[in-house]
Amino acid sequence: MQTLGSLLNRPNQNRPLLKQVRAAMVVEAANEFISKTYGQGAENQARALYLKNGILTIACLSSVLAQEMRLREKELLRAVSAKFSPDTIKKVRYLA
């Protein structure tokens, strides 16, 4: 039986799988940032949904919170860039 690490390190065979795992990790990092920055109550109001083609989509139930998140978008990008490569997120899209 092979380990997950050895399967992910195969050059061309699992490239789509690696992209999906990285996207899920970016979404999790964005959700952690939202929780830490805006408090535990924001978890029910805003959530990063997915990363596709370099665009992170965040759903937000409160338009006020969505506007606040737009104002602090660079902080989110810095926090995610610290864990991943700087060009991981090219744009943030808000669904309010």
PDB file of N, CA and C in Angstrom:
ATOM      1  N   MET A   1       0.842  -1.181   0.000  1.00  0.00           N
ATOM      2  CA  MET A   1       0.000   0.000   0.000  1.00  0.00           C
ATOM      3  C   MET A   1       0.884   1.239   0.000  1.00  0.00           C
ATOM      4  N   GLN A   2       0.492   2.246  -0.772  1.00  0.00           N
ATOM      5  CA  GLN A   2       1.272   3.472  -0.894  1.00  0.00           C
ATOM      6  C   GLN A   2       0.694   4.558   0.008  1.00  0.00           C
ATOM      7  N   THR A   3       1.576   5.427   0.453  1.00  0.00           N
ATOM      8  CA  THR A   3       1.120   6.535   1.291  1.00  0.00           C
ATOM      9  C   THR A   3       0.532   7.645   0.419  1.00  0.00           C
ATOM     10  N   LEU A   4      -0.255   8.498   1.046  1.00  0.00           N
ATOM     11  CA  LEU A   4      -0.860   9.614   0.323  1.00  0.00           C
ATOM     12  C   LEU A   4       0.213  10.556  -0.213  1.00  0.00           C
ATOM     13  N   GLY A   5       1.251  10.762   0.567  1.00  0.00           N
ATOM     14  CA  GLY A   5       2.341  11.640   0.134  1.00  0.00           C
ATOM     15  C   GLY A   5       3.024  11.137  -1.118  1.00  0.00           C
ATOM     16  N   SER A   6       3.261   9.825  -1.190  1.00  0.00           N
ATOM     17  CA  SER A   6       3.907   9.281  -2.386  1.00  0.00           C
ATOM     18  C   SER A   6       2.990   9.358  -3.597  1.00  0.00           C
ATOM     19  N   LEU A   7       1.694   9.235  -3.374  1.00  0.00           N
ATOM     20  CA  LEU A   7       0.749   9.353  -4.488  1.00  0.00           C
ATOM     21  C   LEU A   7       0.684  10.782  -5.015  1.00  0.00           C
ATOM     22  N   LEU A   8       0.733  11.753  -4.108  1.00  0.00           N
ATOM     23  CA  LEU A   8       0.656  13.151  -4.529  1.00  0.00           C
ATOM     24  C   LEU A   8       1.939  13.630  -5.190  1.00  0.00           C
ATOM     25  N   ASN A   9       3.052  12.961  -4.918  1.00  0.00           N
ATOM     26  CA  ASN A   9       4.327  13.384  -5.488  1.00  0.00           C
ATOM     27  C   ASN A   9       4.573  12.844  -6.887  1.00  0.00           C
ATOM     28  N   ARG A  10       3.703  12.030  -7.404  1.00  0.00           N
ATOM     29  CA  ARG A  10       3.865  11.550  -8.775  1.00  0.00           C
ATOM     30  C   ARG A  10       3.670  12.718  -9.728  1.00  0.00           C
ATOM     31  N   PRO A  11       4.564  12.870 -10.694  1.00  0.00           N
ATOM     32  CA  PRO A  11       4.580  14.081 -11.515  1.00  0.00           C
ATOM     33  C   PRO A  11       3.272  14.439 -12.218  1.00  0.00           C
ATOM     34  N   ASN A  12       2.861  13.755 -13.206  1.00  0.00           N
ATOM     35  CA  ASN A  12       1.724  14.191 -14.015  1.00  0.00           C
ATOM     36  C   ASN A  12       0.438  13.446 -13.723  1.00  0.00           C
ATOM     37  N   GLN A  13       0.543  12.379 -13.008  1.00  0.00           N
ATOM     38  CA  GLN A  13      -0.615  11.518 -12.821  1.00  0.00           C
ATOM     39  C   GLN A  13      -1.693  12.150 -11.946  1.00  0.00           C
ATOM     40  N   ASN A  14      -1.322  12.819 -10.864  1.00  0.00           N
ATOM     41  CA  ASN A  14      -2.300  13.321  -9.898  1.00  0.00           C
ATOM     42  C   ASN A  14      -2.350  14.840  -9.831  1.00  0.00           C
ATOM     43  N   ARG A  15      -2.008  15.491 -10.889  1.00  0.00           N
ATOM     44  CA  ARG A  15      -2.021  16.955 -10.888  1.00  0.00           C
ATOM     45  C   ARG A  15      -3.396  17.533 -10.541  1.00  0.00           C
ATOM     46  N   PRO A  16      -4.490  17.042 -11.118  1.00  0.00           N
ATOM     47  CA  PRO A  16      -5.809  17.573 -10.741  1.00  0.00           C
ATOM     48  C   PRO A  16      -6.128  17.359  -9.261  1.00  0.00           C
ATOM     49  N   LEU A  17      -5.730  16.223  -8.724  1.00  0.00           N
ATOM     50  CA  LEU A  17      -5.970  15.946  -7.313  1.00  0.00           C
ATOM     51  C   LEU A  17      -5.202  16.933  -6.442  1.00  0.00           C
ATOM     52  N   LEU A  18      -3.969  17.200  -6.809  1.00  0.00           N
ATOM     53  CA  LEU A  18      -3.154  18.143  -6.049  1.00  0.00           C
ATOM     54  C   LEU A  18      -3.769  19.542  -6.074  1.00  0.00           C
ATOM     55  N   LYS A  19      -4.286  19.969  -7.213  1.00  0.00           N
ATOM     56  CA  LYS A  19      -4.930  21.281  -7.316  1.00  0.00           C
ATOM     57  C   LYS A  19      -6.173  21.354  -6.434  1.00  0.00           C
ATOM     58  N   GLN A  20      -6.933  20.274  -6.369  1.00  0.00           N
ATOM     59  CA  GLN A  20      -8.140  20.255  -5.540  1.00  0.00           C
ATOM     60  C   GLN A  20      -7.796  20.305  -4.055  1.00  0.00           C
ATOM     61  N   VAL A  21      -6.764  19.577  -3.670  1.00  0.00           N
ATOM     62  CA  VAL A  21      -6.340  19.584  -2.266  1.00  0.00           C
ATOM     63  C   VAL A  21      -5.842  20.976  -1.879  1.00  0.00           C
ATOM     64  N   ARG A  22      -5.052  21.588  -2.749  1.00  0.00           N
ATOM     65  CA  ARG A  22      -4.547  22.935  -2.464  1.00  0.00           C
ATOM     66  C   ARG A  22      -5.698  23.939  -2.374  1.00  0.00           C
ATOM     67  N   ALA A  23      -6.675  23.832  -3.259  1.00  0.00           N
ATOM     68  CA  ALA A  23      -7.831  24.740  -3.229  1.00  0.00           C
ATOM     69  C   ALA A  23      -8.596  24.591  -1.919  1.00  0.00           C
ATOM     70  N   ALA A  24      -8.769  23.360  -1.457  1.00  0.00           N
ATOM     71  CA  ALA A  24      -9.470  23.127  -0.191  1.00  0.00           C
ATOM     72  C   ALA A  24      -8.688  23.723   0.979  1.00  0.00           C
ATOM     73  N   MET A  25      -7.369  23.635   0.922  1.00  0.00           N
ATOM     74  CA  MET A  25      -6.546  24.201   1.986  1.00  0.00           C
ATOM     75  C   MET A  25      -6.610  25.731   1.984  1.00  0.00           C
ATOM     76  N   VAL A  26      -6.669  26.336   0.806  1.00  0.00           N
ATOM     77  CA  VAL A  26      -6.788  27.794   0.703  1.00  0.00           C
ATOM     78  C   VAL A  26      -8.126  28.247   1.275  1.00  0.00           C
ATOM     79  N   VAL A  27      -9.197  27.529   0.954  1.00  0.00           N
ATOM     80  CA  VAL A  27     -10.526  27.863   1.479  1.00  0.00           C
ATOM     81  C   VAL A  27     -10.524  27.767   2.998  1.00  0.00           C
ATOM     82  N   GLU A  28      -9.898  26.737   3.524  1.00  0.00           N
ATOM     83  CA  GLU A  28      -9.822  26.579   4.984  1.00  0.00           C
ATOM     84  C   GLU A  28      -9.029  27.722   5.617  1.00  0.00           C
ATOM     85  N   ALA A  29      -7.930  28.125   4.994  1.00  0.00           N
ATOM     86  CA  ALA A  29      -7.137  29.243   5.515  1.00  0.00           C
ATOM     87  C   ALA A  29      -7.940  30.544   5.481  1.00  0.00           C
ATOM     88  N   ALA A  30      -8.712  30.749   4.437  1.00  0.00           N
ATOM     89  CA  ALA A  30      -9.552  31.953   4.346  1.00  0.00           C
ATOM     90  C   ALA A  30     -10.625  31.941   5.425  1.00  0.00           C
ATOM     91  N   ASN A  31     -11.218  30.783   5.677  1.00  0.00           N
ATOM     92  CA  ASN A  31     -12.234  30.690   6.729  1.00  0.00           C
ATOM     93  C   ASN A  31     -11.631  30.928   8.111  1.00  0.00           C
ATOM     94  N   GLU A  32     -10.415  30.462   8.331  1.00  0.00           N
ATOM     95  CA  GLU A  32      -9.729  30.738   9.594  1.00  0.00           C
ATOM     96  C   GLU A  32      -9.490  32.239   9.755  1.00  0.00           C
ATOM     97  N   PHE A  33      -9.082  32.894   8.675  1.00  0.00           N
ATOM     98  CA  PHE A  33      -8.867  34.344   8.719  1.00  0.00           C
ATOM     99  C   PHE A  33     -10.161  35.072   9.056  1.00  0.00           C
ATOM    100  N   ILE A  34     -11.255  34.673   8.435  1.00  0.00           N
ATOM    101  CA  ILE A  34     -12.555  35.303   8.701  1.00  0.00           C
ATOM    102  C   ILE A  34     -12.934  35.138  10.165  1.00  0.00           C
ATOM    103  N   SER A  35     -12.738  33.938  10.694  1.00  0.00           N
ATOM    104  CA  SER A  35     -13.090  33.664  12.082  1.00  0.00           C
ATOM    105  C   SER A  35     -12.231  34.482  13.050  1.00  0.00           C
ATOM    106  N   LYS A  36     -10.924  34.548  12.798  1.00  0.00           N
ATOM    107  CA  LYS A  36     -10.021  35.283  13.688  1.00  0.00           C
ATOM    108  C   LYS A  36     -10.221  36.793  13.592  1.00  0.00           C
ATOM    109  N   THR A  37     -10.454  37.286  12.400  1.00  0.00           N
ATOM    110  CA  THR A  37     -10.537  38.729  12.189  1.00  0.00           C
ATOM    111  C   THR A  37     -11.874  39.311  12.610  1.00  0.00           C
ATOM    112  N   TYR A  38     -12.944  38.611  12.297  1.00  0.00           N
ATOM    113  CA  TYR A  38     -14.285  39.155  12.528  1.00  0.00           C
ATOM    114  C   TYR A  38     -15.021  38.484  13.682  1.00  0.00           C
ATOM    115  N   GLY A  39     -14.381  37.554  14.361  1.00  0.00           N
ATOM    116  CA  GLY A  39     -14.980  36.916  15.523  1.00  0.00           C
ATOM    117  C   GLY A  39     -15.784  35.672  15.172  1.00  0.00           C
ATOM    118  N   GLN A  40     -16.162  34.941  16.203  1.00  0.00           N
ATOM    119  CA  GLN A  40     -16.881  33.683  16.021  1.00  0.00           C
ATOM    120  C   GLN A  40     -18.246  33.888  15.375  1.00  0.00           C
ATOM    121  N   GLY A  41     -18.882  35.025  15.612  1.00  0.00           N
ATOM    122  CA  GLY A  41     -20.193  35.293  15.026  1.00  0.00           C
ATOM    123  C   GLY A  41     -20.150  35.410  13.516  1.00  0.00           C
ATOM    124  N   ALA A  42     -18.995  35.771  12.981  1.00  0.00           N
ATOM    125  CA  ALA A  42     -18.864  35.929  11.531  1.00  0.00           C
ATOM    126  C   ALA A  42     -18.890  34.590  10.810  1.00  0.00           C
ATOM    127  N   GLU A  43     -18.598  33.505  11.524  1.00  0.00           N
ATOM    128  CA  GLU A  43     -18.632  32.181  10.893  1.00  0.00           C
ATOM    129  C   GLU A  43     -20.018  31.862  10.350  1.00  0.00           C
ATOM    130  N   ASN A  44     -21.045  32.369  11.021  1.00  0.00           N
ATOM    131  CA  ASN A  44     -22.411  32.133  10.569  1.00  0.00           C
ATOM    132  C   ASN A  44     -22.832  33.110   9.478  1.00  0.00           C
ATOM    133  N   GLN A  45     -22.098  34.197   9.318  1.00  0.00           N
ATOM    134  CA  GLN A  45     -22.460  35.242   8.362  1.00  0.00           C
ATOM    135  C   GLN A  45     -21.653  35.195   7.066  1.00  0.00           C
ATOM    136  N   ALA A  46     -20.424  34.697   7.132  1.00  0.00           N
ATOM    137  CA  ALA A  46     -19.550  34.701   5.954  1.00  0.00           C
ATOM    138  C   ALA A  46     -18.730  33.422   5.911  1.00  0.00           C
ATOM    139  N   ARG A  47     -18.523  32.935   4.702  1.00  0.00           N
ATOM    140  CA  ARG A  47     -17.754  31.704   4.541  1.00  0.00           C
ATOM    141  C   ARG A  47     -17.135  31.670   3.150  1.00  0.00           C
ATOM    142  N   ALA A  48     -15.862  31.307   3.103  1.00  0.00           N
ATOM    143  CA  ALA A  48     -15.213  31.074   1.815  1.00  0.00           C
ATOM    144  C   ALA A  48     -15.751  29.758   1.267  1.00  0.00           C
ATOM    145  N   LEU A  49     -16.174  29.774   0.014  1.00  0.00           N
ATOM    146  CA  LEU A  49     -16.813  28.600  -0.570  1.00  0.00           C
ATOM    147  C   LEU A  49     -15.857  27.766  -1.409  1.00  0.00           C
ATOM    148  N   TYR A  50     -15.190  28.409  -2.356  1.00  0.00           N
ATOM    149  CA  TYR A  50     -14.307  27.648  -3.242  1.00  0.00           C
ATOM    150  C   TYR A  50     -13.293  28.566  -3.906  1.00  0.00           C
ATOM    151  N   LEU A  51     -12.244  27.934  -4.423  1.00  0.00           N
ATOM    152  CA  LEU A  51     -11.210  28.610  -5.194  1.00  0.00           C
ATOM    153  C   LEU A  51     -11.190  27.968  -6.567  1.00  0.00           C
ATOM    154  N   LYS A  52     -11.424  28.774  -7.591  1.00  0.00           N
ATOM    155  CA  LYS A  52     -11.432  28.253  -8.955  1.00  0.00           C
ATOM    156  C   LYS A  52     -10.761  29.275  -9.867  1.00  0.00           C
ATOM    157  N   ASN A  53      -9.776  28.829 -10.609  1.00  0.00           N
ATOM    158  CA  ASN A  53      -9.033  29.688 -11.543  1.00  0.00           C
ATOM    159  C   ASN A  53      -8.449  30.922 -10.855  1.00  0.00           C
ATOM    160  N   GLY A  54      -8.004  30.762  -9.630  1.00  0.00           N
ATOM    161  CA  GLY A  54      -7.392  31.861  -8.897  1.00  0.00           C
ATOM    162  C   GLY A  54      -8.375  32.842  -8.285  1.00  0.00           C
ATOM    163  N   ILE A  55      -9.671  32.545  -8.370  1.00  0.00           N
ATOM    164  CA  ILE A  55     -10.696  33.430  -7.813  1.00  0.00           C
ATOM    165  C   ILE A  55     -11.302  32.768  -6.582  1.00  0.00           C
ATOM    166  N   LEU A  56     -11.135  33.401  -5.433  1.00  0.00           N
ATOM    167  CA  LEU A  56     -11.717  32.910  -4.186  1.00  0.00           C
ATOM    168  C   LEU A  56     -13.109  33.502  -4.042  1.00  0.00           C
ATOM    169  N   THR A  57     -14.105  32.647  -3.886  1.00  0.00           N
ATOM    170  CA  THR A  57     -15.486  33.098  -3.744  1.00  0.00           C
ATOM    171  C   THR A  57     -15.896  33.002  -2.283  1.00  0.00           C
ATOM    172  N   ILE A  58     -16.397  34.123  -1.757  1.00  0.00           N
ATOM    173  CA  ILE A  58     -16.845  34.201  -0.371  1.00  0.00           C
ATOM    174  C   ILE A  58     -18.319  34.570  -0.364  1.00  0.00           C
ATOM    175  N   ALA A  59     -19.129  33.772   0.320  1.00  0.00           N
ATOM    176  CA  ALA A  59     -20.553  34.070   0.483  1.00  0.00           C
ATOM    177  C   ALA A  59     -20.729  34.811   1.797  1.00  0.00           C
ATOM    178  N   CYS A  60     -21.533  35.861   1.756  1.00  0.00           N
ATOM    179  CA  CYS A  60     -21.743  36.685   2.938  1.00  0.00           C
ATOM    180  C   CYS A  60     -23.217  37.038   3.046  1.00  0.00           C
ATOM    181  N   LEU A  61     -23.821  36.757   4.197  1.00  0.00           N
ATOM    182  CA  LEU A  61     -25.236  37.044   4.399  1.00  0.00           C
ATOM    183  C   LEU A  61     -25.496  38.510   4.726  1.00  0.00           C
ATOM    184  N   SER A  62     -24.501  39.182   5.237  1.00  0.00           N
ATOM    185  CA  SER A  62     -24.645  40.583   5.632  1.00  0.00           C
ATOM    186  C   SER A  62     -23.893  41.475   4.643  1.00  0.00           C
ATOM    187  N   SER A  63     -24.591  42.417   4.047  1.00  0.00           N
ATOM    188  CA  SER A  63     -23.931  43.326   3.102  1.00  0.00           C
ATOM    189  C   SER A  63     -22.933  44.239   3.821  1.00  0.00           C
ATOM    190  N   VAL A  64     -23.207  44.545   5.078  1.00  0.00           N
ATOM    191  CA  VAL A  64     -22.283  45.372   5.866  1.00  0.00           C
ATOM    192  C   VAL A  64     -20.979  44.620   6.094  1.00  0.00           C
ATOM    193  N   LEU A  65     -21.079  43.349   6.453  1.00  0.00           N
ATOM    194  CA  LEU A  65     -19.886  42.531   6.646  1.00  0.00           C
ATOM    195  C   LEU A  65     -19.146  42.345   5.326  1.00  0.00           C
ATOM    196  N   ALA A  66     -19.867  42.176   4.237  1.00  0.00           N
ATOM    197  CA  ALA A  66     -19.230  42.037   2.925  1.00  0.00           C
ATOM    198  C   ALA A  66     -18.428  43.290   2.578  1.00  0.00           C
ATOM    199  N   GLN A  67     -18.972  44.454   2.879  1.00  0.00           N
ATOM    200  CA  GLN A  67     -18.259  45.705   2.613  1.00  0.00           C
ATOM    201  C   GLN A  67     -17.014  45.812   3.487  1.00  0.00           C
ATOM    202  N   GLU A  68     -17.126  45.429   4.744  1.00  0.00           N
ATOM    203  CA  GLU A  68     -15.969  45.440   5.645  1.00  0.00           C
ATOM    204  C   GLU A  68     -14.895  44.481   5.141  1.00  0.00           C
ATOM    205  N   MET A  69     -15.312  43.339   4.631  1.00  0.00           N
ATOM    206  CA  MET A  69     -14.354  42.369   4.102  1.00  0.00           C
ATOM    207  C   MET A  69     -13.669  42.909   2.848  1.00  0.00           C
ATOM    208  N   ARG A  70     -14.387  43.634   2.033  1.00  0.00           N
ATOM    209  CA  ARG A  70     -13.781  44.258   0.843  1.00  0.00           C
ATOM    210  C   ARG A  70     -12.704  45.265   1.254  1.00  0.00           C
ATOM    211  N   LEU A  71     -12.983  46.014   2.317  1.00  0.00           N
ATOM    212  CA  LEU A  71     -12.022  47.010   2.783  1.00  0.00           C
ATOM    213  C   LEU A  71     -10.748  46.361   3.323  1.00  0.00           C
ATOM    214  N   ARG A  72     -10.883  45.163   3.888  1.00  0.00           N
ATOM    215  CA  ARG A  72      -9.734  44.479   4.487  1.00  0.00           C
ATOM    216  C   ARG A  72      -9.260  43.304   3.635  1.00  0.00           C
ATOM    217  N   GLU A  73      -9.553  43.357   2.357  1.00  0.00           N
ATOM    218  CA  GLU A  73      -9.219  42.260   1.447  1.00  0.00           C
ATOM    219  C   GLU A  73      -7.716  42.004   1.366  1.00  0.00           C
ATOM    220  N   LYS A  74      -6.914  43.066   1.410  1.00  0.00           N
ATOM    221  CA  LYS A  74      -5.462  42.901   1.319  1.00  0.00           C
ATOM    222  C   LYS A  74      -4.917  42.112   2.502  1.00  0.00           C
ATOM    223  N   GLU A  75      -5.528  42.269   3.665  1.00  0.00           N
ATOM    224  CA  GLU A  75      -5.107  41.491   4.834  1.00  0.00           C
ATOM    225  C   GLU A  75      -5.367  40.007   4.603  1.00  0.00           C
ATOM    226  N   LEU A  76      -6.505  39.695   4.028  1.00  0.00           N
ATOM    227  CA  LEU A  76      -6.831  38.302   3.699  1.00  0.00           C
ATOM    228  C   LEU A  76      -5.817  37.744   2.713  1.00  0.00           C
ATOM    229  N   LEU A  77      -5.509  38.510   1.679  1.00  0.00           N
ATOM    230  CA  LEU A  77      -4.547  38.050   0.678  1.00  0.00           C
ATOM    231  C   LEU A  77      -3.168  37.837   1.291  1.00  0.00           C
ATOM    232  N   ARG A  78      -2.763  38.723   2.208  1.00  0.00           N
ATOM    233  CA  ARG A  78      -1.473  38.553   2.878  1.00  0.00           C
ATOM    234  C   ARG A  78      -1.455  37.305   3.748  1.00  0.00           C
ATOM    235  N   ALA A  79      -2.552  37.064   4.462  1.00  0.00           N
ATOM    236  CA  ALA A  79      -2.620  35.898   5.349  1.00  0.00           C
ATOM    237  C   ALA A  79      -2.549  34.599   4.554  1.00  0.00           C
ATOM    238  N   VAL A  80      -3.240  34.550   3.440  1.00  0.00           N
ATOM    239  CA  VAL A  80      -3.214  33.335   2.616  1.00  0.00           C
ATOM    240  C   VAL A  80      -1.865  33.201   1.917  1.00  0.00           C
ATOM    241  N   SER A  81      -1.299  34.310   1.466  1.00  0.00           N
ATOM    242  CA  SER A  81      -0.002  34.275   0.791  1.00  0.00           C
ATOM    243  C   SER A  81       1.110  33.825   1.730  1.00  0.00           C
ATOM    244  N   ALA A  82       0.940  34.060   3.022  1.00  0.00           N
ATOM    245  CA  ALA A  82       1.943  33.621   3.988  1.00  0.00           C
ATOM    246  C   ALA A  82       1.995  32.100   4.074  1.00  0.00           C
ATOM    247  N   LYS A  83       0.866  31.448   3.838  1.00  0.00           N
ATOM    248  CA  LYS A  83       0.814  29.989   3.916  1.00  0.00           C
ATOM    249  C   LYS A  83       1.030  29.318   2.564  1.00  0.00           C
ATOM    250  N   PHE A  84       0.684  30.020   1.497  1.00  0.00           N
ATOM    251  CA  PHE A  84       0.780  29.473   0.146  1.00  0.00           C
ATOM    252  C   PHE A  84       1.552  30.462  -0.719  1.00  0.00           C
ATOM    253  N   SER A  85       1.657  30.200  -1.990  1.00  0.00           N
ATOM    254  CA  SER A  85       2.387  31.117  -2.866  1.00  0.00           C
ATOM    255  C   SER A  85       1.599  32.419  -3.048  1.00  0.00           C
ATOM    256  N   PRO A  86       2.298  33.518  -3.297  1.00  0.00           N
ATOM    257  CA  PRO A  86       1.625  34.819  -3.408  1.00  0.00           C
ATOM    258  C   PRO A  86       0.600  34.907  -4.538  1.00  0.00           C
ATOM    259  N   ASP A  87       0.747  34.107  -5.566  1.00  0.00           N
ATOM    260  CA  ASP A  87      -0.184  34.181  -6.692  1.00  0.00           C
ATOM    261  C   ASP A  87      -1.304  33.147  -6.608  1.00  0.00           C
ATOM    262  N   THR A  88      -1.528  32.587  -5.428  1.00  0.00           N
ATOM    263  CA  THR A  88      -2.585  31.587  -5.258  1.00  0.00           C
ATOM    264  C   THR A  88      -3.952  32.202  -5.502  1.00  0.00           C
ATOM    265  N   ILE A  89      -4.196  33.374  -4.926  1.00  0.00           N
ATOM    266  CA  ILE A  89      -5.472  34.072  -5.113  1.00  0.00           C
ATOM    267  C   ILE A  89      -5.207  35.318  -5.951  1.00  0.00           C
ATOM    268  N   LYS A  90      -5.838  35.387  -7.099  1.00  0.00           N
ATOM    269  CA  LYS A  90      -5.697  36.552  -7.971  1.00  0.00           C
ATOM    270  C   LYS A  90      -6.789  37.581  -7.707  1.00  0.00           C
ATOM    271  N   LYS A  91      -7.949  37.097  -7.283  1.00  0.00           N
ATOM    272  CA  LYS A  91      -9.101  37.977  -7.098  1.00  0.00           C
ATOM    273  C   LYS A  91     -10.025  37.357  -6.057  1.00  0.00           C
ATOM    274  N   VAL A  92     -10.749  38.199  -5.332  1.00  0.00           N
ATOM    275  CA  VAL A  92     -11.748  37.728  -4.373  1.00  0.00           C
ATOM    276  C   VAL A  92     -13.111  38.189  -4.869  1.00  0.00           C
ATOM    277  N   ARG A  93     -14.040  37.262  -4.907  1.00  0.00           N
ATOM    278  CA  ARG A  93     -15.401  37.557  -5.354  1.00  0.00           C
ATOM    279  C   ARG A  93     -16.331  37.379  -4.163  1.00  0.00           C
ATOM    280  N   TYR A  94     -17.219  38.342  -3.962  1.00  0.00           N
ATOM    281  CA  TYR A  94     -18.139  38.304  -2.827  1.00  0.00           C
ATOM    282  C   TYR A  94     -19.561  38.082  -3.316  1.00  0.00           C
ATOM    283  N   LEU A  95     -20.248  37.158  -2.688  1.00  0.00           N
ATOM    284  CA  LEU A  95     -21.661  36.927  -2.950  1.00  0.00           C
ATOM    285  C   LEU A  95     -22.413  37.426  -1.731  1.00  0.00           C
ATOM    286  N   ALA A  96     -23.111  38.539  -1.876  1.00  0.00           N
ATOM    287  CA  ALA A  96     -23.816  39.118  -0.734  1.00  0.00           C
ATOM    288  C   ALA A  96     -25.303  39.188  -1.001  1.00  0.00           C
TER     289      ALA A  96
END
